[in-house]
Amino acid sequence: MQILDERLADLLKRMGSIQRMERGKLCRMSGRPNYNHQTWQNGRNVVRYVKSEHVAPLTEAIEGYRQYMELVQEYADLVIERTRQEIFGAEPAEDEKAKTRKTGSRKKSAARKEVEEE
């Protein structure tokens, strides 16, 4: 548990060290020296025109956000792992592990069943 806590603390430290973040992506505009920055805000695609001198810092900020989200995902995975250990104890026995099932449309399955019965 101590190793897990140390990993969580390290992830928080790394998340806190990211100083610039921006969502979205940067695209070069064809035939122009400018770029556009595309991002979603309030359910809408927002496009901003970006001069070439702002491309490098914006690219760094977009990369910072990507790294941050990657660290957040890793942090969540570790907290979930710890939570499961606290709830269920040691690694669950093979028969207690969550069983996966195929996903698919029930309508298709029902339709296949009807065809097979005919």
N, C-alpha and C. Protein backbone atom coordinates (compact mmCIF):
# COMPACT_ATOMS: atom_id res chain seq x y z
N MET A 1 0.83 -1.19 0.00
CA MET A 1 0.00 0.00 0.00
C MET A 1 0.87 1.25 0.00
N GLN A 2 2.03 1.18 0.67
CA GLN A 2 2.91 2.34 0.74
C GLN A 2 3.45 2.69 -0.65
N ILE A 3 3.78 1.67 -1.44
CA ILE A 3 4.28 1.90 -2.79
C ILE A 3 3.21 2.58 -3.63
N LEU A 4 1.97 2.12 -3.48
CA LEU A 4 0.86 2.72 -4.21
C LEU A 4 0.67 4.19 -3.81
N ASP A 5 0.75 4.47 -2.51
CA ASP A 5 0.62 5.86 -2.04
C ASP A 5 1.75 6.74 -2.58
N GLU A 6 2.96 6.18 -2.68
CA GLU A 6 4.08 6.93 -3.23
C GLU A 6 3.87 7.22 -4.71
N ARG A 7 3.34 6.25 -5.44
CA ARG A 7 3.05 6.47 -6.86
C ARG A 7 1.98 7.54 -7.04
N LEU A 8 0.96 7.52 -6.18
CA LEU A 8 -0.09 8.54 -6.25
C LEU A 8 0.48 9.93 -5.96
N ALA A 9 1.33 10.03 -4.96
CA ALA A 9 1.94 11.31 -4.62
C ALA A 9 2.82 11.80 -5.77
N ASP A 10 3.54 10.89 -6.41
CA ASP A 10 4.39 11.26 -7.54
C ASP A 10 3.54 11.78 -8.70
N LEU A 11 2.42 11.12 -8.96
CA LEU A 11 1.54 11.57 -10.04
C LEU A 11 0.99 12.96 -9.75
N LEU A 12 0.57 13.21 -8.51
CA LEU A 12 0.07 14.54 -8.15
C LEU A 12 1.15 15.61 -8.33
N LYS A 13 2.37 15.26 -7.96
CA LYS A 13 3.48 16.21 -8.10
C LYS A 13 3.71 16.51 -9.59
N ARG A 14 3.69 15.47 -10.41
CA ARG A 14 3.90 15.66 -11.85
C ARG A 14 2.76 16.47 -12.47
N MET A 15 1.51 16.23 -12.02
CA MET A 15 0.38 17.00 -12.52
C MET A 15 0.54 18.47 -12.15
N GLY A 16 0.98 18.72 -10.92
CA GLY A 16 1.16 20.09 -10.45
C GLY A 16 2.29 20.83 -11.12
N SER A 17 3.21 20.09 -11.72
CA SER A 17 4.36 20.75 -12.36
C SER A 17 4.03 21.25 -13.77
N ILE A 18 2.91 20.85 -14.31
CA ILE A 18 2.53 21.31 -15.65
C ILE A 18 1.97 22.72 -15.53
N GLN A 19 2.66 23.66 -16.15
CA GLN A 19 2.32 25.07 -15.99
C GLN A 19 1.45 25.65 -17.09
N ARG A 20 1.43 25.02 -18.25
CA ARG A 20 0.63 25.53 -19.36
C ARG A 20 -0.22 24.40 -19.93
N MET A 21 -1.48 24.71 -20.16
CA MET A 21 -2.39 23.74 -20.75
C MET A 21 -3.37 24.44 -21.68
N GLU A 22 -3.73 23.74 -22.72
CA GLU A 22 -4.77 24.19 -23.63
C GLU A 22 -5.38 22.96 -24.28
N ARG A 23 -6.69 22.97 -24.41
CA ARG A 23 -7.38 21.87 -25.08
C ARG A 23 -7.34 22.09 -26.59
N GLY A 24 -7.62 21.04 -27.32
CA GLY A 24 -7.82 21.17 -28.75
C GLY A 24 -6.65 20.70 -29.58
N LYS A 25 -6.68 21.12 -30.84
CA LYS A 25 -5.61 20.77 -31.76
C LYS A 25 -5.30 21.98 -32.64
N LEU A 26 -4.10 21.95 -33.19
CA LEU A 26 -3.61 23.03 -34.02
C LEU A 26 -3.48 22.52 -35.44
N CYS A 27 -4.04 23.25 -36.39
CA CYS A 27 -4.01 22.85 -37.80
C CYS A 27 -3.46 23.99 -38.65
N ARG A 28 -2.60 23.63 -39.58
CA ARG A 28 -2.07 24.64 -40.51
C ARG A 28 -3.14 24.96 -41.55
N MET A 29 -3.34 26.21 -41.80
CA MET A 29 -4.32 26.63 -42.80
C MET A 29 -3.65 26.54 -44.18
N SER A 30 -4.31 25.89 -45.11
CA SER A 30 -3.71 25.72 -46.43
C SER A 30 -3.57 27.05 -47.15
N GLY A 31 -2.38 27.26 -47.72
CA GLY A 31 -2.13 28.47 -48.47
C GLY A 31 -1.91 29.72 -47.65
N ARG A 32 -1.81 29.59 -46.34
CA ARG A 32 -1.63 30.75 -45.46
C ARG A 32 -0.54 30.46 -44.43
N PRO A 33 0.08 31.51 -43.92
CA PRO A 33 1.10 31.29 -42.88
C PRO A 33 0.49 31.05 -41.50
N ASN A 34 -0.80 31.26 -41.37
CA ASN A 34 -1.46 31.12 -40.07
C ASN A 34 -1.93 29.70 -39.83
N TYR A 35 -2.28 29.45 -38.57
CA TYR A 35 -2.82 28.16 -38.15
C TYR A 35 -4.20 28.43 -37.56
N ASN A 36 -4.96 27.38 -37.37
CA ASN A 36 -6.16 27.56 -36.57
C ASN A 36 -6.16 26.54 -35.44
N HIS A 37 -6.69 26.98 -34.34
CA HIS A 37 -6.76 26.19 -33.11
C HIS A 37 -8.22 25.81 -32.92
N GLN A 38 -8.46 24.50 -32.94
CA GLN A 38 -9.83 23.99 -32.83
C GLN A 38 -10.02 23.35 -31.46
N THR A 39 -11.12 23.70 -30.82
CA THR A 39 -11.43 23.12 -29.52
C THR A 39 -12.94 23.15 -29.31
N TRP A 40 -13.40 22.29 -28.42
CA TRP A 40 -14.83 22.24 -28.07
C TRP A 40 -15.06 23.04 -26.81
N GLN A 41 -16.05 23.92 -26.83
CA GLN A 41 -16.45 24.67 -25.64
C GLN A 41 -17.97 24.72 -25.61
N ASN A 42 -18.53 24.34 -24.49
CA ASN A 42 -19.98 24.36 -24.30
C ASN A 42 -20.71 23.63 -25.43
N GLY A 43 -20.16 22.51 -25.84
CA GLY A 43 -20.81 21.69 -26.86
C GLY A 43 -20.66 22.19 -28.28
N ARG A 44 -19.79 23.16 -28.49
CA ARG A 44 -19.60 23.71 -29.83
C ARG A 44 -18.13 23.71 -30.19
N ASN A 45 -17.88 23.55 -31.48
CA ASN A 45 -16.51 23.65 -31.99
C ASN A 45 -16.15 25.12 -32.14
N VAL A 46 -15.08 25.51 -31.47
CA VAL A 46 -14.61 26.89 -31.52
C VAL A 46 -13.28 26.90 -32.26
N VAL A 47 -13.15 27.80 -33.22
CA VAL A 47 -11.92 27.90 -34.01
C VAL A 47 -11.33 29.29 -33.80
N ARG A 48 -10.06 29.32 -33.47
CA ARG A 48 -9.33 30.58 -33.30
C ARG A 48 -8.19 30.61 -34.31
N TYR A 49 -7.97 31.74 -34.91
CA TYR A 49 -6.84 31.90 -35.80
C TYR A 49 -5.61 32.20 -34.97
N VAL A 50 -4.49 31.57 -35.33
CA VAL A 50 -3.26 31.68 -34.55
C VAL A 50 -2.13 32.13 -35.49
N LYS A 51 -1.45 33.19 -35.13
CA LYS A 51 -0.30 33.64 -35.91
C LYS A 51 0.86 32.68 -35.69
N SER A 52 1.74 32.62 -36.66
CA SER A 52 2.84 31.65 -36.60
C SER A 52 3.73 31.84 -35.38
N GLU A 53 3.87 33.07 -34.87
CA GLU A 53 4.72 33.27 -33.69
C GLU A 53 4.10 32.72 -32.40
N HIS A 54 2.81 32.40 -32.44
CA HIS A 54 2.16 31.82 -31.26
C HIS A 54 2.03 30.30 -31.33
N VAL A 55 2.49 29.72 -32.43
CA VAL A 55 2.34 28.28 -32.63
C VAL A 55 3.12 27.47 -31.60
N ALA A 56 4.40 27.82 -31.38
CA ALA A 56 5.24 27.05 -30.45
C ALA A 56 4.68 27.04 -29.03
N PRO A 57 4.34 28.19 -28.43
CA PRO A 57 3.81 28.12 -27.07
C PRO A 57 2.45 27.44 -27.00
N LEU A 58 1.62 27.59 -28.03
CA LEU A 58 0.33 26.91 -28.02
C LEU A 58 0.50 25.41 -28.15
N THR A 59 1.44 24.98 -28.99
CA THR A 59 1.74 23.55 -29.13
C THR A 59 2.20 22.98 -27.80
N GLU A 60 3.03 23.72 -27.09
CA GLU A 60 3.50 23.29 -25.76
C GLU A 60 2.33 23.17 -24.78
N ALA A 61 1.43 24.12 -24.83
CA ALA A 61 0.27 24.10 -23.93
C ALA A 61 -0.66 22.93 -24.25
N ILE A 62 -0.86 22.64 -25.52
CA ILE A 62 -1.69 21.49 -25.92
C ILE A 62 -1.05 20.19 -25.45
N GLU A 63 0.27 20.10 -25.59
CA GLU A 63 1.00 18.92 -25.11
C GLU A 63 0.90 18.82 -23.59
N GLY A 64 0.94 19.95 -22.89
CA GLY A 64 0.78 19.95 -21.43
C GLY A 64 -0.56 19.39 -21.02
N TYR A 65 -1.62 19.77 -21.72
CA TYR A 65 -2.95 19.24 -21.41
C TYR A 65 -3.02 17.75 -21.67
N ARG A 66 -2.41 17.30 -22.78
CA ARG A 66 -2.40 15.87 -23.10
C ARG A 66 -1.69 15.08 -22.00
N GLN A 67 -0.54 15.58 -21.57
CA GLN A 67 0.21 14.92 -20.51
C GLN A 67 -0.60 14.90 -19.20
N TYR A 68 -1.23 16.03 -18.88
CA TYR A 68 -2.04 16.12 -17.68
C TYR A 68 -3.16 15.08 -17.68
N MET A 69 -3.86 14.98 -18.79
CA MET A 69 -4.96 14.02 -18.87
C MET A 69 -4.46 12.58 -18.78
N GLU A 70 -3.29 12.31 -19.33
CA GLU A 70 -2.69 10.98 -19.22
C GLU A 70 -2.37 10.66 -17.75
N LEU A 71 -1.82 11.64 -17.04
CA LEU A 71 -1.51 11.45 -15.62
C LEU A 71 -2.78 11.29 -14.79
N VAL A 72 -3.82 12.05 -15.12
CA VAL A 72 -5.10 11.93 -14.41
C VAL A 72 -5.66 10.52 -14.58
N GLN A 73 -5.59 10.00 -15.80
CA GLN A 73 -6.09 8.64 -16.06
C GLN A 73 -5.31 7.62 -15.24
N GLU A 74 -4.00 7.77 -15.21
CA GLU A 74 -3.16 6.85 -14.43
C GLU A 74 -3.49 6.97 -12.94
N TYR A 75 -3.68 8.20 -12.46
CA TYR A 75 -4.03 8.41 -11.05
C TYR A 75 -5.36 7.73 -10.73
N ALA A 76 -6.35 7.93 -11.59
CA ALA A 76 -7.66 7.31 -11.37
C ALA A 76 -7.54 5.79 -11.35
N ASP A 77 -6.76 5.23 -12.25
CA ASP A 77 -6.58 3.77 -12.29
C ASP A 77 -6.00 3.26 -10.98
N LEU A 78 -5.02 3.97 -10.44
CA LEU A 78 -4.40 3.55 -9.18
C LEU A 78 -5.36 3.68 -8.00
N VAL A 79 -6.14 4.76 -7.95
CA VAL A 79 -7.12 4.93 -6.87
C VAL A 79 -8.18 3.84 -6.97
N ILE A 80 -8.61 3.51 -8.17
CA ILE A 80 -9.59 2.44 -8.35
C ILE A 80 -9.00 1.11 -7.90
N GLU A 81 -7.74 0.86 -8.23
CA GLU A 81 -7.07 -0.37 -7.80
C GLU A 81 -7.03 -0.44 -6.27
N ARG A 82 -6.65 0.68 -5.63
CA ARG A 82 -6.59 0.72 -4.17
C ARG A 82 -7.98 0.51 -3.56
N THR A 83 -8.98 1.15 -4.14
CA THR A 83 -10.35 1.02 -3.65
C THR A 83 -10.81 -0.43 -3.71
N ARG A 84 -10.53 -1.09 -4.80
CA ARG A 84 -10.92 -2.50 -4.94
C ARG A 84 -10.19 -3.37 -3.94
N GLN A 85 -8.91 -3.06 -3.69
CA GLN A 85 -8.17 -3.82 -2.69
C GLN A 85 -8.78 -3.64 -1.31
N GLU A 86 -9.19 -2.40 -1.01
CA GLU A 86 -9.79 -2.13 0.30
C GLU A 86 -11.14 -2.82 0.44
N ILE A 87 -11.91 -2.84 -0.63
CA ILE A 87 -13.24 -3.44 -0.57
C ILE A 87 -13.17 -4.96 -0.60
N PHE A 88 -12.41 -5.48 -1.54
CA PHE A 88 -12.42 -6.93 -1.78
C PHE A 88 -11.23 -7.65 -1.17
N GLY A 89 -10.30 -6.94 -0.58
CA GLY A 89 -9.11 -7.57 -0.02
C GLY A 89 -8.10 -7.86 -1.10
N ALA A 90 -7.41 -8.95 -0.94
CA ALA A 90 -6.39 -9.34 -1.92
C ALA A 90 -7.04 -9.62 -3.28
N GLU A 91 -6.23 -9.94 -4.23
CA GLU A 91 -6.70 -10.22 -5.59
C GLU A 91 -7.84 -11.23 -5.54
N PRO A 92 -8.98 -10.92 -6.18
CA PRO A 92 -10.12 -11.83 -6.14
C PRO A 92 -9.78 -13.18 -6.77
N ALA A 93 -10.43 -14.20 -6.25
CA ALA A 93 -10.23 -15.53 -6.81
C ALA A 93 -10.70 -15.54 -8.26
N GLU A 94 -10.22 -16.50 -9.02
CA GLU A 94 -10.52 -16.56 -10.45
C GLU A 94 -12.02 -16.58 -10.73
N ASP A 95 -12.78 -17.31 -9.92
CA ASP A 95 -14.22 -17.39 -10.17
C ASP A 95 -14.96 -16.13 -9.74
N GLU A 96 -14.32 -15.26 -8.94
CA GLU A 96 -14.96 -14.03 -8.50
C GLU A 96 -14.65 -12.86 -9.41
N LYS A 97 -13.68 -13.03 -10.32
CA LYS A 97 -13.32 -11.93 -11.22
C LYS A 97 -14.49 -11.60 -12.12
N ALA A 98 -14.56 -10.34 -12.47
CA ALA A 98 -15.65 -9.89 -13.34
C ALA A 98 -15.57 -10.64 -14.66
N LYS A 99 -16.69 -11.11 -15.08
CA LYS A 99 -16.75 -11.82 -16.35
C LYS A 99 -17.09 -10.82 -17.43
N THR A 100 -16.41 -10.96 -18.54
CA THR A 100 -16.70 -10.08 -19.66
C THR A 100 -17.73 -10.77 -20.54
N ARG A 101 -18.52 -9.94 -21.20
CA ARG A 101 -19.50 -10.50 -22.11
C ARG A 101 -19.40 -9.77 -23.42
N LYS A 102 -19.79 -10.44 -24.44
CA LYS A 102 -19.76 -9.83 -25.75
C LYS A 102 -20.83 -8.76 -25.80
N THR A 103 -20.47 -7.65 -26.41
CA THR A 103 -21.46 -6.61 -26.58
C THR A 103 -22.03 -6.73 -27.98
N GLY A 104 -23.25 -6.40 -28.09
CA GLY A 104 -23.91 -6.46 -29.38
C GLY A 104 -25.36 -6.11 -29.21
N SER A 105 -25.99 -6.00 -30.29
CA SER A 105 -27.39 -5.63 -30.26
C SER A 105 -28.25 -6.83 -29.89
N ARG A 106 -29.13 -6.63 -28.93
CA ARG A 106 -30.05 -7.70 -28.56
C ARG A 106 -31.04 -7.95 -29.68
N LYS A 107 -31.37 -6.90 -30.41
CA LYS A 107 -32.30 -7.06 -31.52
C LYS A 107 -31.72 -8.01 -32.55
N LYS A 108 -30.42 -7.87 -32.83
CA LYS A 108 -29.80 -8.75 -33.80
C LYS A 108 -29.85 -10.19 -33.30
N SER A 109 -29.54 -10.38 -32.02
CA SER A 109 -29.56 -11.72 -31.45
C SER A 109 -30.95 -12.32 -31.53
N ALA A 110 -31.96 -11.53 -31.21
CA ALA A 110 -33.34 -12.00 -31.28
C ALA A 110 -33.71 -12.32 -32.72
N ALA A 111 -33.30 -11.48 -33.64
CA ALA A 111 -33.61 -11.71 -35.06
C ALA A 111 -32.94 -12.99 -35.55
N ARG A 112 -31.70 -13.21 -35.15
CA ARG A 112 -31.00 -14.45 -35.54
C ARG A 112 -31.72 -15.67 -34.98
N LYS A 113 -32.16 -15.54 -33.75
CA LYS A 113 -32.85 -16.66 -33.10
C LYS A 113 -34.12 -17.00 -33.87
N GLU A 114 -34.86 -15.99 -34.28
CA GLU A 114 -36.08 -16.23 -35.04
C GLU A 114 -35.80 -16.89 -36.37
N VAL A 115 -34.72 -16.46 -37.03
CA VAL A 115 -34.35 -17.06 -38.31
C VAL A 115 -33.97 -18.51 -38.13
N GLU A 116 -33.22 -18.79 -37.07
CA GLU A 116 -32.78 -20.16 -36.80
C GLU A 116 -33.96 -21.06 -36.48
N GLU A 117 -34.99 -20.52 -35.83
CA GLU A 117 -36.15 -21.33 -35.46
C GLU A 117 -37.01 -21.68 -36.66
N GLU A 118 -36.96 -20.90 -37.72
CA GLU A 118 -37.80 -21.14 -38.90
C GLU A 118 -37.36 -22.27 -39.71
